[in-house]
């Protein structure tokens, strides 16, 4: 499987916001739609800070 966990970084604190994310779609320049393996979804206003595919970990940073 190739899904990842997505973390949101705010003030140097990371919080897991969604597990088993199968797709990330840009909605606009600073908003992303996260889509989970089981059909759940979430919109997040943030920028991409780091994508580590080996660790299945994506870090977004609040604006």
PDB file of N, CA and C in Angstrom:
ATOM      1  N   UNK A   1       0.850  -1.182   0.000  1.00  0.00           N
ATOM      2  CA  UNK A   1       0.000   0.000   0.000  1.00  0.00           C
ATOM      3  C   UNK A   1       0.894   1.243   0.000  1.00  0.00           C
ATOM      4  N   UNK A   2       0.375   2.326  -0.525  1.00  0.00           N
ATOM      5  CA  UNK A   2       1.200   3.532  -0.614  1.00  0.00           C
ATOM      6  C   UNK A   2       0.519   4.747   0.007  1.00  0.00           C
ATOM      7  N   UNK A   3      -0.394   4.532   0.936  1.00  0.00           N
ATOM      8  CA  UNK A   3      -1.008   5.674   1.583  1.00  0.00           C
ATOM      9  C   UNK A   3      -0.076   6.212   2.678  1.00  0.00           C
ATOM     10  N   UNK A   4      -0.302   7.463   3.064  1.00  0.00           N
ATOM     11  CA  UNK A   4       0.564   8.128   4.034  1.00  0.00           C
ATOM     12  C   UNK A   4      -0.260   8.765   5.141  1.00  0.00           C
ATOM     13  N   UNK A   5       0.415   9.081   6.232  1.00  0.00           N
ATOM     14  CA  UNK A   5      -0.186   9.852   7.308  1.00  0.00           C
ATOM     15  C   UNK A   5       0.159  11.320   7.078  1.00  0.00           C
ATOM     16  N   UNK A   6      -0.791  12.202   7.362  1.00  0.00           N
ATOM     17  CA  UNK A   6      -0.571  13.635   7.160  1.00  0.00           C
ATOM     18  C   UNK A   6      -0.563  14.321   8.519  1.00  0.00           C
ATOM     19  N   UNK A   7       0.484  15.128   8.717  1.00  0.00           N
ATOM     20  CA  UNK A   7       0.657  15.884   9.951  1.00  0.00           C
ATOM     21  C   UNK A   7       0.536  17.365   9.636  1.00  0.00           C
ATOM     22  N   UNK A   8      -0.006  18.129  10.573  1.00  0.00           N
ATOM     23  CA  UNK A   8      -0.103  19.581  10.429  1.00  0.00           C
ATOM     24  C   UNK A   8       0.810  20.212  11.464  1.00  0.00           C
ATOM     25  N   UNK A   9       1.742  21.044  10.985  1.00  0.00           N
ATOM     26  CA  UNK A   9       2.693  21.707  11.868  1.00  0.00           C
ATOM     27  C   UNK A   9       2.235  23.131  12.123  1.00  0.00           C
ATOM     28  N   UNK A  10       2.145  23.473  13.414  1.00  0.00           N
ATOM     29  CA  UNK A  10       1.760  24.820  13.821  1.00  0.00           C
ATOM     30  C   UNK A  10       2.587  25.184  15.039  1.00  0.00           C
ATOM     31  N   UNK A  11       3.317  26.278  14.960  1.00  0.00           N
ATOM     32  CA  UNK A  11       4.163  26.737  16.074  1.00  0.00           C
ATOM     33  C   UNK A  11       5.109  25.640  16.550  1.00  0.00           C
ATOM     34  N   UNK A  12       5.772  24.966  15.617  1.00  0.00           N
ATOM     35  CA  UNK A  12       6.729  23.887  15.895  1.00  0.00           C
ATOM     36  C   UNK A  12       6.126  22.659  16.564  1.00  0.00           C
ATOM     37  N   UNK A  13       4.813  22.522  16.578  1.00  0.00           N
ATOM     38  CA  UNK A  13       4.139  21.326  17.076  1.00  0.00           C
ATOM     39  C   UNK A  13       3.505  20.607  15.904  1.00  0.00           C
ATOM     40  N   UNK A  14       3.694  19.287  15.840  1.00  0.00           N
ATOM     41  CA  UNK A  14       3.091  18.490  14.772  1.00  0.00           C
ATOM     42  C   UNK A  14       1.931  17.685  15.335  1.00  0.00           C
ATOM     43  N   UNK A  15       0.820  17.710  14.596  1.00  0.00           N
ATOM     44  CA  UNK A  15      -0.368  16.959  14.988  1.00  0.00           C
ATOM     45  C   UNK A  15      -0.805  16.076  13.823  1.00  0.00           C
ATOM     46  N   UNK A  16      -1.043  14.808  14.112  1.00  0.00           N
ATOM     47  CA  UNK A  16      -1.560  13.901  13.096  1.00  0.00           C
ATOM     48  C   UNK A  16      -3.001  14.307  12.801  1.00  0.00           C
ATOM     49  N   UNK A  17      -3.287  14.666  11.545  1.00  0.00           N
ATOM     50  CA  UNK A  17      -4.645  15.104  11.219  1.00  0.00           C
ATOM     51  C   UNK A  17      -5.416  14.079  10.395  1.00  0.00           C
ATOM     52  N   UNK A  18      -4.698  13.161   9.722  1.00  0.00           N
ATOM     53  CA  UNK A  18      -5.398  12.137   8.953  1.00  0.00           C
ATOM     54  C   UNK A  18      -4.455  10.973   8.667  1.00  0.00           C
ATOM     55  N   UNK A  19      -4.953   9.764   8.874  1.00  0.00           N
ATOM     56  CA  UNK A  19      -4.192   8.560   8.585  1.00  0.00           C
ATOM     57  C   UNK A  19      -4.643   7.965   7.254  1.00  0.00           C
ATOM     58  N   UNK A  20      -3.780   7.170   6.670  1.00  0.00           N
ATOM     59  CA  UNK A  20      -4.096   6.428   5.449  1.00  0.00           C
ATOM     60  C   UNK A  20      -4.630   7.306   4.319  1.00  0.00           C
ATOM     61  N   UNK A  21      -3.943   8.414   4.068  1.00  0.00           N
ATOM     62  CA  UNK A  21      -4.325   9.327   2.991  1.00  0.00           C
ATOM     63  C   UNK A  21      -3.862   8.730   1.666  1.00  0.00           C
ATOM     64  N   UNK A  22      -4.798   8.580   0.749  1.00  0.00           N
ATOM     65  CA  UNK A  22      -4.509   7.987  -0.548  1.00  0.00           C
ATOM     66  C   UNK A  22      -4.282   9.032  -1.634  1.00  0.00           C
ATOM     67  N   UNK A  23      -4.809  10.259  -1.440  1.00  0.00           N
ATOM     68  CA  UNK A  23      -4.658  11.304  -2.461  1.00  0.00           C
ATOM     69  C   UNK A  23      -4.707  12.683  -1.812  1.00  0.00           C
ATOM     70  N   UNK A  24      -3.932  13.589  -2.371  1.00  0.00           N
ATOM     71  CA  UNK A  24      -3.965  15.000  -1.969  1.00  0.00           C
ATOM     72  C   UNK A  24      -4.163  15.804  -3.243  1.00  0.00           C
ATOM     73  N   UNK A  25      -5.232  16.605  -3.273  1.00  0.00           N
ATOM     74  CA  UNK A  25      -5.566  17.398  -4.449  1.00  0.00           C
ATOM     75  C   UNK A  25      -5.545  18.878  -4.077  1.00  0.00           C
ATOM     76  N   UNK A  26      -4.805  19.703  -4.824  1.00  0.00           N
ATOM     77  CA  UNK A  26      -4.835  21.139  -4.552  1.00  0.00           C
ATOM     78  C   UNK A  26      -6.197  21.718  -4.935  1.00  0.00           C
ATOM     79  N   UNK A  27      -6.783  22.482  -4.018  1.00  0.00           N
ATOM     80  CA  UNK A  27      -8.048  23.167  -4.282  1.00  0.00           C
ATOM     81  C   UNK A  27      -7.742  24.552  -4.835  1.00  0.00           C
ATOM     82  N   UNK A  28      -6.807  25.212  -4.206  1.00  0.00           N
ATOM     83  CA  UNK A  28      -6.264  26.470  -4.707  1.00  0.00           C
ATOM     84  C   UNK A  28      -4.815  26.543  -4.237  1.00  0.00           C
ATOM     85  N   UNK A  29      -4.221  27.717  -4.310  1.00  0.00           N
ATOM     86  CA  UNK A  29      -2.796  27.851  -4.028  1.00  0.00           C
ATOM     87  C   UNK A  29      -2.402  27.400  -2.622  1.00  0.00           C
ATOM     88  N   UNK A  30      -3.274  27.574  -1.640  1.00  0.00           N
ATOM     89  CA  UNK A  30      -2.924  27.250  -0.252  1.00  0.00           C
ATOM     90  C   UNK A  30      -3.963  26.379   0.439  1.00  0.00           C
ATOM     91  N   UNK A  31      -4.718  25.618  -0.320  1.00  0.00           N
ATOM     92  CA  UNK A  31      -5.719  24.705   0.247  1.00  0.00           C
ATOM     93  C   UNK A  31      -5.604  23.363  -0.445  1.00  0.00           C
ATOM     94  N   UNK A  32      -5.630  22.302   0.364  1.00  0.00           N
ATOM     95  CA  UNK A  32      -5.527  20.946  -0.162  1.00  0.00           C
ATOM     96  C   UNK A  32      -6.700  20.107   0.314  1.00  0.00           C
ATOM     97  N   UNK A  33      -7.157  19.222  -0.546  1.00  0.00           N
ATOM     98  CA  UNK A  33      -8.199  18.261  -0.197  1.00  0.00           C
ATOM     99  C   UNK A  33      -7.511  16.920   0.025  1.00  0.00           C
ATOM    100  N   UNK A  34      -7.602  16.409   1.260  1.00  0.00           N
ATOM    101  CA  UNK A  34      -7.037  15.113   1.603  1.00  0.00           C
ATOM    102  C   UNK A  34      -8.131  14.067   1.458  1.00  0.00           C
ATOM    103  N   UNK A  35      -7.818  12.956   0.805  1.00  0.00           N
ATOM    104  CA  UNK A  35      -8.794  11.886   0.607  1.00  0.00           C
ATOM    105  C   UNK A  35      -8.236  10.606   1.212  1.00  0.00           C
ATOM    106  N   UNK A  36      -8.997  10.023   2.128  1.00  0.00           N
ATOM    107  CA  UNK A  36      -8.558   8.829   2.813  1.00  0.00           C
ATOM    108  C   UNK A  36      -8.881   7.557   2.066  1.00  0.00           C
ATOM    109  N   UNK A  37      -8.251   6.490   2.488  1.00  0.00           N
ATOM    110  CA  UNK A  37      -8.411   5.177   1.876  1.00  0.00           C
ATOM    111  C   UNK A  37      -9.845   4.673   1.961  1.00  0.00           C
ATOM    112  N   UNK A  38     -10.556   5.051   3.024  1.00  0.00           N
ATOM    113  CA  UNK A  38     -11.928   4.570   3.226  1.00  0.00           C
ATOM    114  C   UNK A  38     -12.988   5.580   2.788  1.00  0.00           C
ATOM    115  N   UNK A  39     -12.571   6.607   2.031  1.00  0.00           N
ATOM    116  CA  UNK A  39     -13.526   7.561   1.479  1.00  0.00           C
ATOM    117  C   UNK A  39     -13.695   8.852   2.258  1.00  0.00           C
ATOM    118  N   UNK A  40     -13.065   8.955   3.416  1.00  0.00           N
ATOM    119  CA  UNK A  40     -13.172  10.204   4.174  1.00  0.00           C
ATOM    120  C   UNK A  40     -12.367  11.294   3.476  1.00  0.00           C
ATOM    121  N   UNK A  41     -12.734  12.555   3.747  1.00  0.00           N
ATOM    122  CA  UNK A  41     -12.016  13.674   3.132  1.00  0.00           C
ATOM    123  C   UNK A  41     -11.962  14.847   4.098  1.00  0.00           C
ATOM    124  N   UNK A  42     -10.990  15.729   3.844  1.00  0.00           N
ATOM    125  CA  UNK A  42     -10.784  16.898   4.704  1.00  0.00           C
ATOM    126  C   UNK A  42     -10.080  17.964   3.887  1.00  0.00           C
ATOM    127  N   UNK A  43     -10.518  19.221   4.023  1.00  0.00           N
ATOM    128  CA  UNK A  43      -9.822  20.345   3.397  1.00  0.00           C
ATOM    129  C   UNK A  43      -8.943  21.010   4.433  1.00  0.00           C
ATOM    130  N   UNK A  44      -7.717  21.339   4.028  1.00  0.00           N
ATOM    131  CA  UNK A  44      -6.751  21.953   4.940  1.00  0.00           C
ATOM    132  C   UNK A  44      -6.137  23.165   4.262  1.00  0.00           C
ATOM    133  N   UNK A  45      -6.129  24.301   4.970  1.00  0.00           N
ATOM    134  CA  UNK A  45      -5.437  25.495   4.485  1.00  0.00           C
ATOM    135  C   UNK A  45      -4.020  25.453   5.047  1.00  0.00           C
ATOM    136  N   UNK A  46      -3.066  25.202   4.180  1.00  0.00           N
ATOM    137  CA  UNK A  46      -1.680  25.046   4.600  1.00  0.00           C
ATOM    138  C   UNK A  46      -0.779  25.019   3.374  1.00  0.00           C
ATOM    139  N   UNK A  47       0.514  24.951   3.644  1.00  0.00           N
ATOM    140  CA  UNK A  47       1.492  24.745   2.580  1.00  0.00           C
ATOM    141  C   UNK A  47       2.222  23.435   2.868  1.00  0.00           C
ATOM    142  N   UNK A  48       2.781  22.848   1.839  1.00  0.00           N
ATOM    143  CA  UNK A  48       3.537  21.611   2.020  1.00  0.00           C
ATOM    144  C   UNK A  48       4.905  21.956   2.572  1.00  0.00           C
ATOM    145  N   UNK A  49       5.248  21.320   3.698  1.00  0.00           N
ATOM    146  CA  UNK A  49       6.575  21.511   4.274  1.00  0.00           C
ATOM    147  C   UNK A  49       7.508  20.363   3.898  1.00  0.00           C
ATOM    148  N   UNK A  50       6.995  19.118   3.948  1.00  0.00           N
ATOM    149  CA  UNK A  50       7.848  17.975   3.685  1.00  0.00           C
ATOM    150  C   UNK A  50       7.007  16.777   3.229  1.00  0.00           C
ATOM    151  N   UNK A  51       7.535  16.034   2.281  1.00  0.00           N
ATOM    152  CA  UNK A  51       6.927  14.781   1.848  1.00  0.00           C
ATOM    153  C   UNK A  51       8.017  13.718   1.931  1.00  0.00           C
ATOM    154  N   UNK A  52       7.804  12.721   2.789  1.00  0.00           N
ATOM    155  CA  UNK A  52       8.760  11.636   2.939  1.00  0.00           C
ATOM    156  C   UNK A  52       8.057  10.337   2.561  1.00  0.00           C
ATOM    157  N   UNK A  53       8.245   9.908   1.339  1.00  0.00           N
ATOM    158  CA  UNK A  53       7.546   8.730   0.843  1.00  0.00           C
ATOM    159  C   UNK A  53       8.071   7.437   1.458  1.00  0.00           C
ATOM    160  N   UNK A  54       9.331   7.412   1.856  1.00  0.00           N
ATOM    161  CA  UNK A  54       9.883   6.213   2.490  1.00  0.00           C
ATOM    162  C   UNK A  54       9.231   5.968   3.859  1.00  0.00           C
ATOM    163  N   UNK A  55       8.911   7.040   4.563  1.00  0.00           N
ATOM    164  CA  UNK A  55       8.284   6.929   5.887  1.00  0.00           C
ATOM    165  C   UNK A  55       6.764   7.047   5.815  1.00  0.00           C
ATOM    166  N   UNK A  56       6.209   7.239   4.612  1.00  0.00           N
ATOM    167  CA  UNK A  56       4.756   7.415   4.423  1.00  0.00           C
ATOM    168  C   UNK A  56       4.243   8.564   5.295  1.00  0.00           C
ATOM    169  N   UNK A  57       4.944   9.694   5.229  1.00  0.00           N
ATOM    170  CA  UNK A  57       4.661  10.825   6.108  1.00  0.00           C
ATOM    171  C   UNK A  57       4.682  12.124   5.302  1.00  0.00           C
ATOM    172  N   UNK A  58       3.601  12.900   5.418  1.00  0.00           N
ATOM    173  CA  UNK A  58       3.503  14.193   4.743  1.00  0.00           C
ATOM    174  C   UNK A  58       3.258  15.247   5.815  1.00  0.00           C
ATOM    175  N   UNK A  59       4.063  16.302   5.799  1.00  0.00           N
ATOM    176  CA  UNK A  59       3.910  17.376   6.776  1.00  0.00           C
ATOM    177  C   UNK A  59       3.446  18.635   6.068  1.00  0.00           C
ATOM    178  N   UNK A  60       2.316  19.175   6.516  1.00  0.00           N
ATOM    179  CA  UNK A  60       1.810  20.448   6.038  1.00  0.00           C
ATOM    180  C   UNK A  60       2.049  21.479   7.130  1.00  0.00           C
ATOM    181  N   UNK A  61       2.172  22.735   6.742  1.00  0.00           N
ATOM    182  CA  UNK A  61       2.421  23.812   7.705  1.00  0.00           C
ATOM    183  C   UNK A  61       1.311  24.845   7.595  1.00  0.00           C
ATOM    184  N   UNK A  62       0.761  25.239   8.750  1.00  0.00           N
ATOM    185  CA  UNK A  62      -0.293  26.249   8.738  1.00  0.00           C
ATOM    186  C   UNK A  62       0.259  27.567   8.244  1.00  0.00           C
ATOM    187  N   UNK A  63      -0.629  28.390   7.744  1.00  0.00           N
ATOM    188  CA  UNK A  63      -0.240  29.687   7.184  1.00  0.00           C
ATOM    189  C   UNK A  63      -0.025  30.710   8.261  1.00  0.00           C
TER     190      UNK A  63
END
